[in-house]
Protein backbone atom coordinates (compact mmCIF):
# COMPACT_ATOMS: atom_id res chain seq x y z
CA MET A 1 16.15 -12.73 -3.52
CA GLU A 2 13.62 -14.33 -1.17
CA ARG A 3 14.66 -11.91 1.57
CA ILE A 4 13.49 -9.05 -0.65
CA PHE A 5 10.65 -10.53 -2.71
CA ARG A 6 7.82 -12.45 -1.06
CA SER A 7 6.51 -15.76 -2.38
CA ASP A 8 4.29 -13.84 -4.83
CA GLY A 9 7.42 -12.45 -6.50
CA ARG A 10 6.62 -8.88 -5.46
CA ALA A 11 8.24 -6.38 -3.12
CA VAL A 12 7.79 -3.01 -1.46
CA ILE A 13 11.26 -1.50 -1.17
CA VAL A 14 11.90 1.80 0.58
CA PRO A 15 15.09 3.50 -0.69
CA MET A 16 16.66 6.01 1.68
CA ASP A 17 19.93 6.75 -0.11
CA HIS A 18 19.00 10.37 -0.89
CA ALA A 19 21.12 12.12 1.77
CA VAL A 20 24.33 11.44 -0.16
CA ALA A 21 22.99 13.53 -3.02
CA VAL A 22 20.99 16.21 -1.22
CA GLY A 23 22.00 16.13 2.43
CA PRO A 24 19.94 15.33 5.56
CA ILE A 25 16.49 16.24 4.26
CA GLU A 26 13.19 15.82 6.08
CA GLY A 27 12.57 12.17 6.89
CA LEU A 28 16.24 11.24 6.79
CA ARG A 29 17.57 13.19 9.76
CA ASN A 30 16.62 10.58 12.34
CA MET A 31 17.13 7.34 10.49
CA THR A 32 16.47 5.18 13.54
CA SER A 33 12.99 6.68 13.93
CA THR A 34 12.06 6.46 10.26
CA ILE A 35 13.35 2.93 9.81
CA GLY A 36 11.50 1.96 12.98
CA GLU A 37 8.26 2.95 11.23
CA LEU A 38 9.14 0.76 8.24
CA VAL A 39 9.93 -2.18 10.50
CA LYS A 40 6.57 -1.87 12.27
CA ALA A 41 4.74 -1.64 8.94
CA LYS A 42 6.65 -4.70 7.67
CA ALA A 43 8.06 -3.23 4.48
CA ASP A 44 9.81 -5.92 2.46
CA ALA A 45 13.19 -4.23 2.12
CA VAL A 46 15.09 -1.02 2.73
CA LEU A 47 17.83 0.44 0.51
CA VAL A 48 20.52 2.51 2.24
CA HIS A 49 24.19 3.38 2.07
CA ILE A 50 26.68 1.33 4.04
CA GLY A 51 27.19 3.82 6.88
CA VAL A 52 23.49 3.83 7.70
CA ALA A 53 23.28 0.05 7.34
CA ARG A 54 25.95 -0.31 10.01
CA SER A 55 24.15 1.88 12.52
CA VAL A 56 20.44 1.00 12.39
CA ASP A 57 18.36 -2.07 13.17
CA ILE A 58 16.28 -3.18 10.19
CA ASP A 59 14.88 -6.21 12.02
CA ARG A 60 13.58 -8.72 9.45
CA MET A 61 13.42 -6.41 6.44
CA GLY A 62 15.62 -7.19 3.47
CA LEU A 63 18.77 -5.06 3.32
CA ILE A 64 19.95 -3.58 0.03
CA VAL A 65 23.20 -1.62 0.22
CA HIS A 66 23.64 1.10 -2.40
CA VAL A 67 27.28 1.38 -3.46
CA SER A 68 27.30 4.37 -5.83
CA GLY A 69 26.34 8.02 -5.79
CA ALA A 70 27.31 11.68 -6.11
CA THR A 71 26.40 14.91 -4.35
CA ARG A 72 24.37 17.68 -5.94
CA LEU A 73 27.28 20.02 -5.15
CA THR A 74 29.50 18.55 -7.87
CA GLU A 75 29.55 19.89 -11.43
CA GLU A 76 28.22 16.57 -12.74
CA PRO A 77 25.78 15.08 -10.22
CA ASP A 78 24.47 12.54 -12.76
CA TRP A 79 27.87 10.83 -12.83
CA LYS A 80 27.56 8.19 -10.10
CA ALA A 81 30.84 6.88 -8.71
CA GLN A 82 31.35 3.72 -6.67
CA PHE A 83 32.38 4.27 -3.04
CA SER A 84 31.48 1.01 -1.27
CA SER A 85 32.45 -2.55 -2.11
CA VAL A 86 30.36 -5.66 -2.47
CA LYS A 87 32.55 -7.35 0.12
CA ASP A 88 31.84 -4.60 2.67
CA ALA A 89 28.11 -4.90 1.99
CA ILE A 90 28.22 -8.65 2.58
CA ARG A 91 30.18 -8.20 5.80
CA ILE A 92 27.32 -6.24 7.34
CA GLY A 93 24.66 -8.69 6.16
CA ALA A 94 23.35 -7.19 2.92
CA ASP A 95 20.85 -9.29 0.98
CA ALA A 96 21.52 -7.38 -2.26
CA VAL A 97 23.71 -4.62 -3.65
CA SER A 98 22.48 -1.63 -5.64
CA VAL A 99 24.15 0.61 -8.22
CA GLN A 100 22.82 3.47 -10.37
CA ILE A 101 23.38 3.98 -14.10
CA ASN A 102 22.06 7.09 -15.82
CA VAL A 103 21.47 5.92 -19.36
CA GLY A 104 22.25 8.70 -21.81
CA SER A 105 24.59 10.53 -19.46
CA SER A 106 27.81 11.87 -20.91
CA HIS A 107 29.52 9.48 -18.46
CA GLU A 108 27.37 6.48 -19.29
CA GLN A 109 30.33 4.37 -20.43
CA ARG A 110 32.21 4.91 -17.16
CA MET A 111 29.16 3.94 -15.11
CA LEU A 112 28.79 0.82 -17.25
CA GLU A 113 32.42 -0.06 -16.59
CA THR A 114 31.82 0.38 -12.87
CA PHE A 115 28.73 -1.80 -13.14
CA SER A 116 30.66 -4.60 -14.81
CA GLY A 117 33.14 -4.79 -11.94
CA ILE A 118 30.37 -4.78 -9.33
CA ALA A 119 28.41 -7.41 -11.26
CA GLU A 120 31.44 -9.70 -11.43
CA GLU A 121 31.99 -9.38 -7.69
CA CYS A 122 28.29 -10.03 -7.01
CA ASN A 123 28.45 -13.17 -9.13
CA ASP A 124 31.54 -14.36 -7.25
CA TYR A 125 29.73 -14.03 -3.91
CA GLY A 126 26.27 -15.06 -5.10
CA ILE A 127 24.54 -11.84 -4.04
CA PRO A 128 21.77 -10.21 -6.16
CA LEU A 129 22.47 -6.91 -7.92
CA LEU A 130 19.80 -4.23 -8.26
CA ALA A 131 20.42 -1.74 -11.07
CA MET A 132 18.76 1.67 -10.98
CA MET A 133 18.40 2.25 -14.71
CA TYR A 134 17.24 5.81 -15.36
CA PRO A 135 17.09 7.54 -18.77
CA ARG A 136 18.90 10.72 -17.84
CA GLY A 137 21.22 12.86 -19.89
CA PRO A 138 21.59 15.54 -22.58
CA GLY A 139 19.79 13.51 -25.23
CA VAL A 140 16.88 12.42 -23.04
CA LYS A 141 13.83 14.63 -23.53
CA ASP A 142 11.42 12.68 -21.32
CA GLU A 143 12.67 10.35 -18.58
CA HIS A 144 9.27 8.60 -18.47
CA ARG A 145 8.71 8.02 -22.19
CA TYR A 146 8.30 4.41 -23.26
CA GLU A 147 11.18 4.46 -25.77
CA GLU A 148 13.71 5.72 -23.23
CA VAL A 149 12.50 3.59 -20.31
CA SER A 150 12.32 0.40 -22.37
CA HIS A 151 15.86 0.97 -23.64
CA ALA A 152 17.17 1.54 -20.11
CA VAL A 153 15.42 -1.55 -18.74
CA ARG A 154 16.59 -3.73 -21.60
CA LEU A 155 20.14 -2.49 -21.06
CA GLY A 156 19.96 -3.51 -17.40
CA TYR A 157 18.71 -6.95 -18.38
CA GLU A 158 21.37 -7.38 -21.06
CA ILE A 159 24.27 -6.50 -18.75
CA GLY A 160 23.18 -8.87 -16.00
CA ALA A 161 21.13 -7.04 -13.36
CA ASP A 162 19.08 -9.33 -11.11
CA ILE A 163 16.56 -6.59 -10.26
CA ILE A 164 15.87 -3.45 -12.26
CA GLN A 165 14.52 -0.20 -10.85
CA THR A 166 13.26 2.38 -13.31
CA ASN A 167 10.71 5.10 -14.01
CA TYR A 168 7.06 4.36 -14.67
CA THR A 169 5.99 5.18 -18.22
CA GLY A 170 2.62 6.65 -17.24
CA ASP A 171 0.19 3.95 -18.39
CA PRO A 172 -0.13 0.18 -17.88
CA GLU A 173 -0.10 -0.67 -21.58
CA SER A 174 3.26 0.89 -22.37
CA PHE A 175 4.81 -0.40 -19.14
CA GLN A 176 3.63 -3.90 -19.97
CA ARG A 177 5.65 -3.64 -23.17
CA VAL A 178 8.67 -2.51 -21.13
CA VAL A 179 8.66 -5.60 -18.92
CA ARG A 180 7.28 -8.15 -21.38
CA ASP A 181 10.59 -9.51 -22.64
CA VAL A 182 12.67 -8.90 -19.53
CA ARG A 183 13.19 -12.00 -17.40
CA VAL A 184 14.10 -10.27 -14.15
CA PRO A 185 11.90 -8.32 -11.69
CA VAL A 186 11.28 -4.67 -12.57
CA VAL A 187 10.23 -2.29 -9.81
CA ILE A 188 9.16 1.30 -10.29
CA ALA A 189 10.75 4.27 -8.59
CA GLY A 190 8.58 6.76 -6.76
CA GLY A 191 10.15 9.85 -8.27
CA PRO A 192 9.63 13.33 -6.78
CA LYS A 193 7.22 13.95 -3.91
CA ALA A 194 3.71 13.33 -5.27
CA ARG A 195 1.12 16.10 -5.25
CA SER A 196 -1.25 13.86 -3.30
CA ASP A 197 -1.46 10.42 -1.74
CA SER A 198 -4.18 9.39 -4.17
CA GLU A 199 -1.98 10.35 -7.14
CA LEU A 200 0.83 8.12 -5.85
CA LEU A 201 -1.46 5.17 -5.11
CA ASP A 202 -3.09 5.46 -8.55
CA MET A 203 0.37 5.28 -10.15
CA VAL A 204 1.37 2.23 -8.11
CA SER A 205 -1.87 0.43 -8.90
CA ALA A 206 -1.49 1.13 -12.62
CA ALA A 207 2.15 0.01 -12.61
CA MET A 208 1.22 -3.27 -10.95
CA ARG A 209 -1.46 -3.85 -13.57
CA GLY A 210 1.22 -3.17 -16.15
CA GLY A 211 3.42 -5.98 -14.85
CA ALA A 212 5.69 -4.32 -12.30
CA SER A 213 7.15 -6.65 -9.68
CA GLY A 214 6.78 -4.01 -7.01
CA VAL A 215 7.88 -0.55 -6.02
CA SER A 216 10.95 1.23 -4.72
CA ILE A 217 9.49 4.40 -3.25
CA GLY A 218 11.47 6.78 -1.06
CA ARG A 219 10.36 10.40 -0.60
CA ASN A 220 6.68 9.57 -0.77
CA VAL A 221 7.19 7.19 2.15
CA PHE A 222 9.84 8.70 4.41
CA GLN A 223 8.52 12.26 3.95
CA HIS A 224 4.91 11.21 4.49
CA GLN A 225 3.28 12.45 7.70
CA THR A 226 2.80 8.78 8.64
CA PRO A 227 5.33 6.53 6.87
CA PHE A 228 3.81 3.51 8.63
CA ALA A 229 0.40 4.17 7.04
CA MET A 230 1.82 4.73 3.55
CA VAL A 231 3.77 1.47 3.68
CA LYS A 232 0.60 -0.37 4.72
CA ALA A 233 -1.26 1.10 1.73
CA LEU A 234 1.55 0.17 -0.67
CA LEU A 235 1.73 -3.38 0.70
CA ALA A 236 -2.02 -3.77 0.10
CA ILE A 237 -1.70 -2.79 -3.56
CA VAL A 238 1.47 -4.75 -4.28
CA HIS A 239 0.71 -7.96 -2.39
CA GLU A 240 -3.08 -8.05 -2.18
CA ALA A 241 -3.90 -6.37 -5.52
CA VAL A 242 -6.39 -4.02 -3.88
CA SER A 243 -7.53 -0.97 -5.84
CA SER A 244 -5.98 2.41 -5.26
CA GLN A 245 -9.30 3.53 -3.80
CA LYS A 246 -9.22 0.71 -1.23
CA ALA A 247 -5.57 1.47 -0.49
CA MET A 248 -6.53 5.09 0.15
CA GLN A 249 -9.09 3.91 2.68
CA ILE A 250 -6.40 1.81 4.36
CA LEU A 251 -4.07 4.81 4.43
CA GLU A 252 -6.71 7.09 5.91
CA GLY A 253 -7.81 4.44 8.40
CA VAL A 254 -4.29 3.85 9.67
CA ASN A 255 -3.73 7.60 9.88
CA ILE A 256 -6.83 7.96 12.03
CA GLU A 257 -5.84 5.06 14.27
CA GLY A 258 -2.36 6.54 14.51
CA SER A 259 1.06 4.97 14.85
CA ALA A 260 4.07 5.88 16.91
CA GLY A 261 4.74 8.63 14.41
CA GLY A 262 7.66 9.30 12.13
CA GLU A 263 10.53 11.71 12.44
CA PRO A 264 9.75 15.00 14.21
């Protein structure tokens, strides 16, 4: 856990598992270049599938290997199947394993069964398990509503996740109630590409005030014009508790100074 979370108990994780679902989208075509930006910015951890983990250098960042997924081409893309093992993840030096459960899916029970097997193997090897717990299915009207998010997070806690990733509820007060009785770190997902940098940084700042243990933000980092600068801004909010306004100044300042640049 200490390879992912700093001594303050917080982390900036950059998930880049999206290509399994949607193909080689912008920001994920040249993984070496994009991950190089994250290494330079000193993100705390990266989350990738095992094939990518084998072929890129993450330097000193924490490595989380995602072991489940589905493509958008299938009839039921919300049904996430396991296709990598915990043992394989450990062989390549993973610091944690990740699995997704869509709570409310018509295949929820099967994903929970898969989770139980992965959790048992993680316990055998002593490796942390991150659970992406998303309210998502026919009966879910709002994936960000407190009632749905709190249920998903509590489920992850009850079934033994060491880290829980979920949606932000939209305000610090309701999110504080989500995490209040959960004794494991809860990080917020970034969701779809934000309309603006300031909108994203406002959300992160509010989530941290609401008790989040950090962020797991993908598209809004790897599809940013300067991933290096966005990571720096996120690190400032998460680890230094700066305001979103100050983080925006950091982002703009780094953009002006320039970095080696992300993926062409």
